[in-house]
N, C-alpha and C. Protein backbone atom coordinates (compact mmCIF):
# COMPACT_ATOMS: atom_id res chain seq x y z
N MET A 1 -12.19 -6.40 54.83
CA MET A 1 -11.98 -5.37 53.87
C MET A 1 -10.89 -6.06 52.82
N ASP A 2 -11.57 -5.49 51.57
CA ASP A 2 -11.01 -6.13 50.21
C ASP A 2 -9.54 -5.50 49.93
N ASP A 3 -8.33 -6.21 49.75
CA ASP A 3 -7.19 -5.65 49.56
C ASP A 3 -6.71 -6.25 48.36
N ARG A 4 -7.56 -6.39 47.39
CA ARG A 4 -7.26 -6.83 45.94
C ARG A 4 -6.87 -5.54 45.31
N GLN A 5 -5.71 -5.53 44.38
CA GLN A 5 -5.17 -4.18 43.70
C GLN A 5 -5.79 -4.25 42.41
N PRO A 6 -6.20 -2.99 41.85
CA PRO A 6 -6.83 -2.85 40.43
C PRO A 6 -5.79 -3.56 39.47
N PRO A 7 -6.14 -3.96 38.16
CA PRO A 7 -5.22 -4.26 37.25
C PRO A 7 -4.20 -3.23 36.85
N GLY A 8 -3.10 -3.91 36.51
CA GLY A 8 -1.92 -2.76 35.96
C GLY A 8 -2.24 -2.66 34.50
N LEU A 9 -1.12 -1.77 33.88
CA LEU A 9 -1.38 -1.60 32.46
C LEU A 9 -0.04 -1.69 31.76
N THR A 10 0.01 -2.20 30.68
CA THR A 10 1.47 -2.38 29.90
C THR A 10 1.14 -1.86 28.62
N PHE A 11 2.20 -1.03 28.35
CA PHE A 11 2.30 -0.03 27.19
C PHE A 11 2.51 -1.23 25.92
N VAL A 12 1.73 -0.93 24.84
CA VAL A 12 1.74 -1.75 23.65
C VAL A 12 2.14 -1.15 22.34
N MET A 13 1.36 0.00 21.93
CA MET A 13 1.89 0.83 20.92
C MET A 13 1.49 2.23 21.02
N GLU A 14 2.02 3.02 20.29
CA GLU A 14 1.39 4.43 19.83
C GLU A 14 1.18 4.29 18.29
N LEU A 15 -0.16 4.66 18.03
CA LEU A 15 -0.35 4.98 16.65
C LEU A 15 -0.60 6.33 16.22
N ARG A 16 -0.25 6.57 15.16
CA ARG A 16 -0.34 7.86 14.75
C ARG A 16 -0.93 7.79 13.15
N VAL A 17 -2.14 8.29 13.06
CA VAL A 17 -3.48 7.70 12.13
C VAL A 17 -3.53 9.06 11.51
N ASP A 18 -3.33 9.40 9.99
CA ASP A 18 -3.78 10.39 9.19
C ASP A 18 -4.94 10.14 8.88
N VAL A 19 -5.81 11.40 9.17
CA VAL A 19 -7.09 11.48 8.70
C VAL A 19 -7.39 12.65 7.66
N GLY A 20 -8.65 12.08 6.94
CA GLY A 20 -8.95 13.26 5.92
C GLY A 20 -10.27 13.95 6.42
N ALA A 21 -10.43 14.93 5.66
CA ALA A 21 -11.63 15.99 5.98
C ALA A 21 -12.97 14.91 6.40
N PRO A 22 -13.57 15.17 7.37
CA PRO A 22 -15.06 14.45 7.59
C PRO A 22 -15.82 14.62 6.62
N VAL A 23 -16.63 13.60 6.22
CA VAL A 23 -17.81 13.78 5.55
C VAL A 23 -18.88 13.75 6.50
N GLU A 24 -19.64 14.93 6.42
CA GLU A 24 -20.84 15.26 7.06
C GLU A 24 -22.25 14.63 6.56
N ILE A 25 -22.76 13.80 7.39
CA ILE A 25 -23.91 13.28 6.82
C ILE A 25 -25.22 14.22 7.30
N GLY A 26 -24.97 14.66 8.51
CA GLY A 26 -25.69 15.66 9.13
C GLY A 26 -26.46 14.98 10.12
N ALA A 27 -27.84 15.87 10.61
CA ALA A 27 -28.58 15.36 11.76
C ALA A 27 -29.41 13.99 11.47
N VAL A 28 -28.92 12.85 12.24
CA VAL A 28 -29.74 11.65 12.25
C VAL A 28 -30.35 11.64 13.72
N ALA A 29 -31.12 10.40 13.81
CA ALA A 29 -32.02 10.29 15.03
C ALA A 29 -31.14 10.37 16.12
N SER A 30 -29.98 9.81 16.26
CA SER A 30 -29.02 9.71 17.44
C SER A 30 -28.09 11.11 17.67
N GLY A 31 -27.96 11.72 16.68
CA GLY A 31 -27.21 12.89 16.96
C GLY A 31 -26.54 13.09 15.52
N ARG A 32 -25.37 13.91 15.14
CA ARG A 32 -24.76 14.43 13.93
C ARG A 32 -23.83 13.42 13.54
N ARG A 33 -24.01 12.71 12.44
CA ARG A 33 -23.33 11.88 11.80
C ARG A 33 -22.29 12.36 11.00
N ARG A 34 -20.93 11.83 11.41
CA ARG A 34 -19.68 12.19 10.58
C ARG A 34 -18.90 11.04 10.31
N ILE A 35 -18.40 11.06 9.28
CA ILE A 35 -17.50 9.87 8.61
C ILE A 35 -15.84 10.51 8.40
N VAL A 36 -15.08 10.13 9.39
CA VAL A 36 -13.90 10.58 9.16
C VAL A 36 -13.01 9.63 8.35
N PRO A 37 -12.40 9.72 7.18
CA PRO A 37 -11.54 8.82 6.49
C PRO A 37 -10.26 8.88 7.06
N ILE A 38 -9.88 7.49 7.17
CA ILE A 38 -8.26 7.02 7.52
C ILE A 38 -7.38 6.94 6.26
N LEU A 39 -6.37 7.53 6.40
CA LEU A 39 -5.55 7.65 5.02
C LEU A 39 -4.23 6.93 5.24
N GLY A 40 -4.04 6.44 6.12
CA GLY A 40 -2.78 5.78 6.45
C GLY A 40 -2.04 6.12 7.91
N GLY A 41 -0.71 5.75 8.11
CA GLY A 41 -0.42 6.08 9.30
C GLY A 41 0.77 5.20 9.81
N THR A 42 1.13 5.18 10.89
CA THR A 42 2.20 4.31 11.61
C THR A 42 1.70 3.82 12.93
N PHE A 43 2.42 2.60 13.25
CA PHE A 43 2.38 2.10 14.70
C PHE A 43 3.48 1.80 15.23
N ASP A 44 3.73 1.90 16.56
CA ASP A 44 5.11 1.70 16.90
C ASP A 44 5.25 1.20 18.64
N GLY A 45 5.72 0.12 18.85
CA GLY A 45 5.78 -0.44 20.30
C GLY A 45 6.71 -1.34 20.34
N PRO A 46 6.81 -1.81 21.65
CA PRO A 46 7.97 -2.78 21.90
C PRO A 46 7.92 -4.09 21.11
N ASP A 47 6.90 -4.70 21.00
CA ASP A 47 6.85 -5.77 20.27
C ASP A 47 6.11 -5.86 19.01
N VAL A 48 5.64 -4.70 18.50
CA VAL A 48 4.93 -4.57 17.21
C VAL A 48 4.90 -3.32 16.54
N ARG A 49 5.17 -3.04 15.38
CA ARG A 49 5.30 -1.98 14.59
C ARG A 49 5.06 -2.01 13.26
N GLY A 50 4.81 -0.98 12.51
CA GLY A 50 4.14 -1.07 10.97
C GLY A 50 3.62 -0.01 10.84
N THR A 51 2.53 -0.14 9.72
CA THR A 51 1.81 1.04 9.16
C THR A 51 0.33 0.70 9.08
N VAL A 52 -0.43 1.94 9.22
CA VAL A 52 -1.72 1.86 9.26
C VAL A 52 -1.95 1.99 7.52
N LEU A 53 -3.07 1.08 7.41
CA LEU A 53 -3.27 1.13 5.76
C LEU A 53 -4.34 2.24 5.60
N ASN A 54 -4.47 2.67 4.20
CA ASN A 54 -5.29 3.40 3.86
C ASN A 54 -6.75 2.74 3.75
N GLY A 55 -7.82 3.45 4.19
CA GLY A 55 -9.14 2.56 3.65
C GLY A 55 -10.20 2.69 4.92
N GLY A 56 -9.67 2.65 6.12
CA GLY A 56 -10.45 2.62 7.12
C GLY A 56 -11.36 3.89 7.43
N ALA A 57 -12.19 4.18 8.47
CA ALA A 57 -12.69 5.35 8.79
C ALA A 57 -13.23 5.17 10.32
N ASP A 58 -13.57 6.68 10.58
CA ASP A 58 -14.44 6.66 11.95
C ASP A 58 -15.75 7.04 11.82
N TRP A 59 -16.54 6.31 12.21
CA TRP A 59 -18.16 6.46 11.98
C TRP A 59 -18.41 7.07 13.24
N GLN A 60 -18.72 8.40 13.40
CA GLN A 60 -18.95 9.03 14.64
C GLN A 60 -20.26 9.76 14.61
N ILE A 61 -20.81 9.64 16.06
CA ILE A 61 -22.14 10.19 16.30
C ILE A 61 -21.93 11.42 17.52
N VAL A 62 -22.07 12.66 16.81
CA VAL A 62 -21.95 14.07 17.87
C VAL A 62 -23.23 14.17 18.50
N ARG A 63 -23.29 14.12 19.58
CA ARG A 63 -24.62 14.77 20.57
C ARG A 63 -24.62 16.23 20.28
N ARG A 64 -25.76 16.63 20.75
CA ARG A 64 -25.78 18.17 21.05
C ARG A 64 -25.09 18.66 22.12
N ASP A 65 -24.57 17.93 22.86
CA ASP A 65 -23.79 18.29 24.00
C ASP A 65 -22.32 18.28 23.68
N GLY A 66 -22.09 17.69 22.48
CA GLY A 66 -20.73 17.86 22.13
C GLY A 66 -19.88 16.45 22.19
N PHE A 67 -20.65 15.56 23.16
CA PHE A 67 -20.29 14.09 23.32
C PHE A 67 -20.26 13.42 22.10
N THR A 68 -19.05 12.72 21.65
CA THR A 68 -18.75 12.10 20.56
C THR A 68 -18.87 10.50 20.92
N ALA A 69 -19.46 9.67 20.21
CA ALA A 69 -19.29 8.38 20.28
C ALA A 69 -18.53 8.13 18.87
N LEU A 70 -17.48 7.27 19.11
CA LEU A 70 -16.46 6.78 18.04
C LEU A 70 -16.63 5.65 17.80
N ASP A 71 -16.55 5.22 16.51
CA ASP A 71 -16.49 3.82 16.24
C ASP A 71 -15.52 3.62 14.83
N THR A 72 -14.56 3.25 15.19
CA THR A 72 -13.34 3.32 14.25
C THR A 72 -12.74 1.90 13.80
N ARG A 73 -12.49 1.83 12.30
CA ARG A 73 -12.19 0.45 11.95
C ARG A 73 -11.13 0.68 10.91
N TYR A 74 -10.00 -0.16 11.07
CA TYR A 74 -8.94 0.26 9.98
C TYR A 74 -8.09 -1.11 10.03
N THR A 75 -7.23 -1.40 9.22
CA THR A 75 -6.26 -2.46 9.25
C THR A 75 -4.91 -1.99 9.18
N MET A 76 -3.96 -2.79 10.00
CA MET A 76 -2.78 -2.31 10.14
C MET A 76 -1.81 -3.43 9.68
N GLN A 77 -0.63 -2.99 9.26
CA GLN A 77 0.40 -4.09 8.73
C GLN A 77 1.73 -3.76 9.18
N THR A 78 2.13 -5.02 10.08
CA THR A 78 3.37 -4.96 10.67
C THR A 78 4.56 -4.88 9.72
N ASP A 79 5.75 -4.61 10.28
CA ASP A 79 6.94 -4.56 9.52
C ASP A 79 7.24 -6.03 8.97
N ARG A 80 6.81 -6.96 9.32
CA ARG A 80 6.88 -8.34 9.08
C ARG A 80 5.76 -8.77 8.11
N GLY A 81 4.85 -7.80 7.57
CA GLY A 81 3.71 -8.20 6.51
C GLY A 81 2.45 -8.69 7.21
N GLU A 82 2.46 -8.87 8.56
CA GLU A 82 1.32 -9.59 9.05
C GLU A 82 0.12 -8.44 9.14
N LEU A 83 -0.96 -8.76 8.81
CA LEU A 83 -2.13 -7.96 8.87
C LEU A 83 -2.89 -8.03 10.18
N ILE A 84 -3.35 -6.81 10.65
CA ILE A 84 -4.39 -6.69 12.11
C ILE A 84 -5.25 -5.96 11.53
N TYR A 85 -6.70 -6.41 12.09
CA TYR A 85 -7.89 -5.61 11.73
C TYR A 85 -7.97 -5.06 13.41
N VAL A 86 -8.58 -3.71 13.23
CA VAL A 86 -8.88 -3.12 14.49
C VAL A 86 -10.11 -2.39 14.50
N GLN A 87 -11.03 -2.76 15.49
CA GLN A 87 -12.16 -2.22 15.64
C GLN A 87 -11.74 -1.19 17.13
N ASN A 88 -12.12 -0.02 17.01
CA ASN A 88 -11.70 0.87 18.11
C ASN A 88 -12.90 1.65 18.34
N ALA A 89 -13.76 1.41 19.48
CA ALA A 89 -14.79 2.10 19.77
C ALA A 89 -14.10 3.19 21.09
N GLY A 90 -14.79 4.07 21.11
CA GLY A 90 -14.49 5.15 22.14
C GLY A 90 -15.52 6.40 22.49
N VAL A 91 -14.81 7.22 22.98
CA VAL A 91 -15.80 8.28 23.35
C VAL A 91 -14.71 9.61 23.50
N ARG A 92 -15.45 10.89 22.98
CA ARG A 92 -14.35 11.95 23.26
C ARG A 92 -15.46 13.16 23.59
N HIS A 93 -15.23 13.85 24.66
CA HIS A 93 -15.81 14.85 25.03
C HIS A 93 -14.93 16.21 25.78
N ALA A 94 -15.30 17.26 25.66
CA ALA A 94 -14.60 18.25 26.20
C ALA A 94 -15.48 19.65 26.53
N ALA A 95 -15.25 20.58 26.98
CA ALA A 95 -16.05 21.81 27.30
C ALA A 95 -16.44 22.28 25.81
N PRO A 96 -17.76 22.78 25.84
CA PRO A 96 -18.30 23.23 24.60
C PRO A 96 -17.66 23.88 23.58
N GLY A 97 -16.62 24.78 23.97
CA GLY A 97 -15.84 25.89 23.14
C GLY A 97 -14.67 25.01 22.74
N VAL A 98 -14.20 24.05 23.33
CA VAL A 98 -13.40 23.17 22.97
C VAL A 98 -13.78 22.32 21.81
N ILE A 99 -14.90 21.64 21.91
CA ILE A 99 -15.52 20.78 21.13
C ILE A 99 -15.84 21.22 19.64
N GLU A 100 -16.36 22.61 19.86
CA GLU A 100 -16.54 23.50 18.60
C GLU A 100 -15.23 23.65 17.66
N GLN A 101 -14.17 23.85 18.40
CA GLN A 101 -12.94 23.89 17.89
C GLN A 101 -12.37 22.72 17.05
N LEU A 102 -12.61 21.64 18.05
CA LEU A 102 -12.05 20.29 17.34
C LEU A 102 -13.00 19.86 16.05
N LEU A 103 -14.38 20.15 16.31
CA LEU A 103 -15.14 19.74 15.28
C LEU A 103 -14.79 20.70 14.02
N ALA A 104 -14.41 21.95 13.98
CA ALA A 104 -14.08 22.74 13.17
C ALA A 104 -12.52 22.62 12.47
N GLY A 105 -11.76 21.46 12.92
CA GLY A 105 -10.63 21.13 12.64
C GLY A 105 -9.54 21.91 13.10
N GLU A 106 -9.68 22.77 14.09
CA GLU A 106 -8.72 23.50 14.54
C GLU A 106 -7.95 22.82 15.64
N ALA A 107 -6.54 23.09 15.87
CA ALA A 107 -5.98 22.43 17.02
C ALA A 107 -6.28 22.84 18.49
N VAL A 108 -6.33 21.88 19.14
CA VAL A 108 -6.67 22.36 20.63
C VAL A 108 -5.74 21.44 21.41
N ASP A 109 -5.72 21.64 22.61
CA ASP A 109 -4.69 21.23 23.69
C ASP A 109 -5.24 19.96 24.08
N PRO A 110 -4.79 18.87 23.58
CA PRO A 110 -5.10 17.45 24.07
C PRO A 110 -5.39 17.31 25.63
N SER A 111 -4.90 17.90 26.52
CA SER A 111 -5.23 17.76 27.94
C SER A 111 -6.75 18.44 28.29
N LEU A 112 -7.20 19.07 27.31
CA LEU A 112 -8.56 19.50 27.54
C LEU A 112 -9.50 18.60 27.00
N VAL A 113 -9.35 17.61 26.45
CA VAL A 113 -10.38 16.73 25.77
C VAL A 113 -10.20 15.21 26.52
N TYR A 114 -11.38 15.04 26.79
CA TYR A 114 -11.13 13.40 27.37
C TYR A 114 -11.61 12.39 26.18
N PHE A 115 -10.58 11.52 25.74
CA PHE A 115 -10.58 10.82 24.57
C PHE A 115 -10.23 9.49 24.84
N ARG A 116 -10.91 8.49 25.16
CA ARG A 116 -10.65 7.17 25.35
C ARG A 116 -11.18 6.22 24.49
N THR A 117 -10.36 4.98 24.24
CA THR A 117 -10.94 4.01 23.34
C THR A 117 -10.71 2.78 24.00
N VAL A 118 -11.50 1.75 23.25
CA VAL A 118 -11.19 0.18 23.62
C VAL A 118 -10.96 -0.38 22.43
N PRO A 119 -9.65 -0.72 21.66
CA PRO A 119 -9.40 -1.14 20.56
C PRO A 119 -9.37 -2.80 21.03
N VAL A 120 -10.23 -3.53 19.78
CA VAL A 120 -10.21 -5.05 19.80
C VAL A 120 -9.32 -5.38 18.56
N PHE A 121 -8.44 -6.29 18.64
CA PHE A 121 -7.57 -6.55 17.48
C PHE A 121 -8.04 -8.05 17.24
N GLU A 122 -7.99 -8.30 15.63
CA GLU A 122 -7.94 -9.34 15.00
C GLU A 122 -7.03 -9.78 14.14
N THR A 123 -6.45 -10.98 14.21
CA THR A 123 -5.31 -11.23 13.45
C THR A 123 -5.16 -12.79 13.25
N SER A 124 -4.68 -13.15 12.02
CA SER A 124 -4.36 -14.80 11.92
C SER A 124 -2.90 -15.00 12.17
N ALA A 125 -1.94 -14.04 12.57
CA ALA A 125 -0.63 -14.15 12.63
C ALA A 125 -0.41 -14.83 13.90
N PRO A 126 0.03 -16.16 14.10
CA PRO A 126 0.53 -16.75 15.39
C PRO A 126 1.14 -15.91 16.50
N ARG A 127 2.15 -15.26 15.81
CA ARG A 127 3.00 -14.55 16.79
C ARG A 127 2.32 -13.47 17.61
N LEU A 128 1.08 -12.97 16.84
CA LEU A 128 0.56 -11.76 17.42
C LEU A 128 -0.96 -12.09 18.20
N GLU A 129 -0.89 -13.54 18.36
CA GLU A 129 -2.22 -13.89 18.85
C GLU A 129 -2.42 -13.36 20.39
N TRP A 130 -1.37 -12.81 21.22
CA TRP A 130 -1.68 -12.29 22.10
C TRP A 130 -2.54 -11.08 22.12
N LEU A 131 -2.52 -10.40 21.05
CA LEU A 131 -3.67 -9.27 20.76
C LEU A 131 -4.87 -9.57 20.62
N THR A 132 -5.15 -10.84 20.45
CA THR A 132 -6.64 -11.30 20.49
C THR A 132 -7.21 -11.64 21.76
N ARG A 133 -6.27 -11.69 22.70
CA ARG A 133 -6.52 -12.46 24.08
C ARG A 133 -6.58 -11.53 25.24
N ALA A 134 -6.69 -10.22 25.04
CA ALA A 134 -6.77 -9.38 26.10
C ALA A 134 -7.43 -8.35 25.92
N ILE A 135 -7.75 -7.45 26.97
CA ILE A 135 -8.49 -5.85 27.15
C ILE A 135 -7.47 -5.06 26.91
N PHE A 136 -7.78 -4.04 26.01
CA PHE A 136 -6.81 -2.96 25.69
C PHE A 136 -7.47 -1.50 25.99
N LEU A 137 -6.97 -0.54 26.47
CA LEU A 137 -7.37 0.61 26.40
C LEU A 137 -6.54 1.74 25.83
N GLY A 138 -7.28 2.43 24.96
CA GLY A 138 -6.48 3.73 24.34
C GLY A 138 -6.77 5.34 24.98
N ASP A 139 -5.78 5.83 24.84
CA ASP A 139 -5.65 7.26 25.34
C ASP A 139 -5.52 7.94 24.13
N GLY A 140 -6.36 8.96 23.64
CA GLY A 140 -6.34 9.46 22.27
C GLY A 140 -6.26 11.28 22.35
N GLU A 141 -5.67 11.54 21.19
CA GLU A 141 -5.43 13.04 21.08
C GLU A 141 -5.81 13.25 19.63
N ARG A 142 -6.68 14.30 19.10
CA ARG A 142 -7.28 14.78 18.10
C ARG A 142 -6.34 15.96 17.45
N HIS A 143 -5.68 15.75 16.34
CA HIS A 143 -5.08 16.78 15.91
C HIS A 143 -5.56 17.43 14.75
N PRO A 144 -5.42 18.29 13.86
CA PRO A 144 -6.10 18.60 12.66
C PRO A 144 -6.19 17.64 11.49
N SER A 145 -5.01 16.97 11.29
CA SER A 145 -5.04 15.89 10.32
C SER A 145 -4.61 14.68 10.65
N ARG A 146 -4.47 14.44 11.96
CA ARG A 146 -4.14 13.11 12.81
C ARG A 146 -4.40 13.01 14.04
N VAL A 147 -4.74 11.67 14.31
CA VAL A 147 -5.00 11.17 15.40
C VAL A 147 -3.92 10.39 15.96
N VAL A 148 -3.55 10.54 17.11
CA VAL A 148 -2.32 9.82 18.23
C VAL A 148 -3.37 8.91 19.32
N VAL A 149 -3.10 7.60 19.27
CA VAL A 149 -3.67 6.81 20.36
C VAL A 149 -2.62 5.91 20.87
N ARG A 150 -2.46 6.16 22.27
CA ARG A 150 -1.50 5.20 23.10
C ARG A 150 -2.31 4.44 23.25
N VAL A 151 -1.82 2.89 23.30
CA VAL A 151 -2.72 1.55 23.66
C VAL A 151 -1.82 0.97 24.76
N TRP A 152 -2.47 0.57 25.80
CA TRP A 152 -2.34 -0.24 26.92
C TRP A 152 -3.00 -1.55 26.84
N GLN A 153 -2.28 -2.51 27.39
CA GLN A 153 -2.90 -3.82 27.57
C GLN A 153 -3.37 -3.97 29.17
N VAL A 154 -4.56 -4.43 29.47
CA VAL A 154 -4.84 -4.46 30.86
C VAL A 154 -4.37 -5.77 31.22
N ARG A 155 -3.42 -5.80 32.53
CA ARG A 155 -2.82 -7.24 32.78
C ARG A 155 -4.02 -7.90 33.79
């Protein structure tokens, strides 16, 4: 019998990202293409904190069943001036009525939505090199004008 334990998780940060109205590209081969602009925000954790810079976006594909593939890219700046590029791929899905409300920009109970991401960080800051050398998991919440993602490092 295998007695190995699964990896643990260590909390890294909470991101609070302000988002604009989606740009609806419409039906494409893989689903409904939407681009959600990132307007800014903040992040805060035990070892890193700062602001999310304006200028990123989430390039989404929403399938007919409401399953949404997320490809979010943005830049963060720490309170020490260090820059961090983030590419945050993920998935989001819920019951059809909940997805309709979410896509319409309405508030929904986050516990009704499965929203997980896998952020990958790039930085030239030596102090933050640890961000480039691990796997991270995000647990997200979509609010009408904000996304909240709590990020954990897989140990």
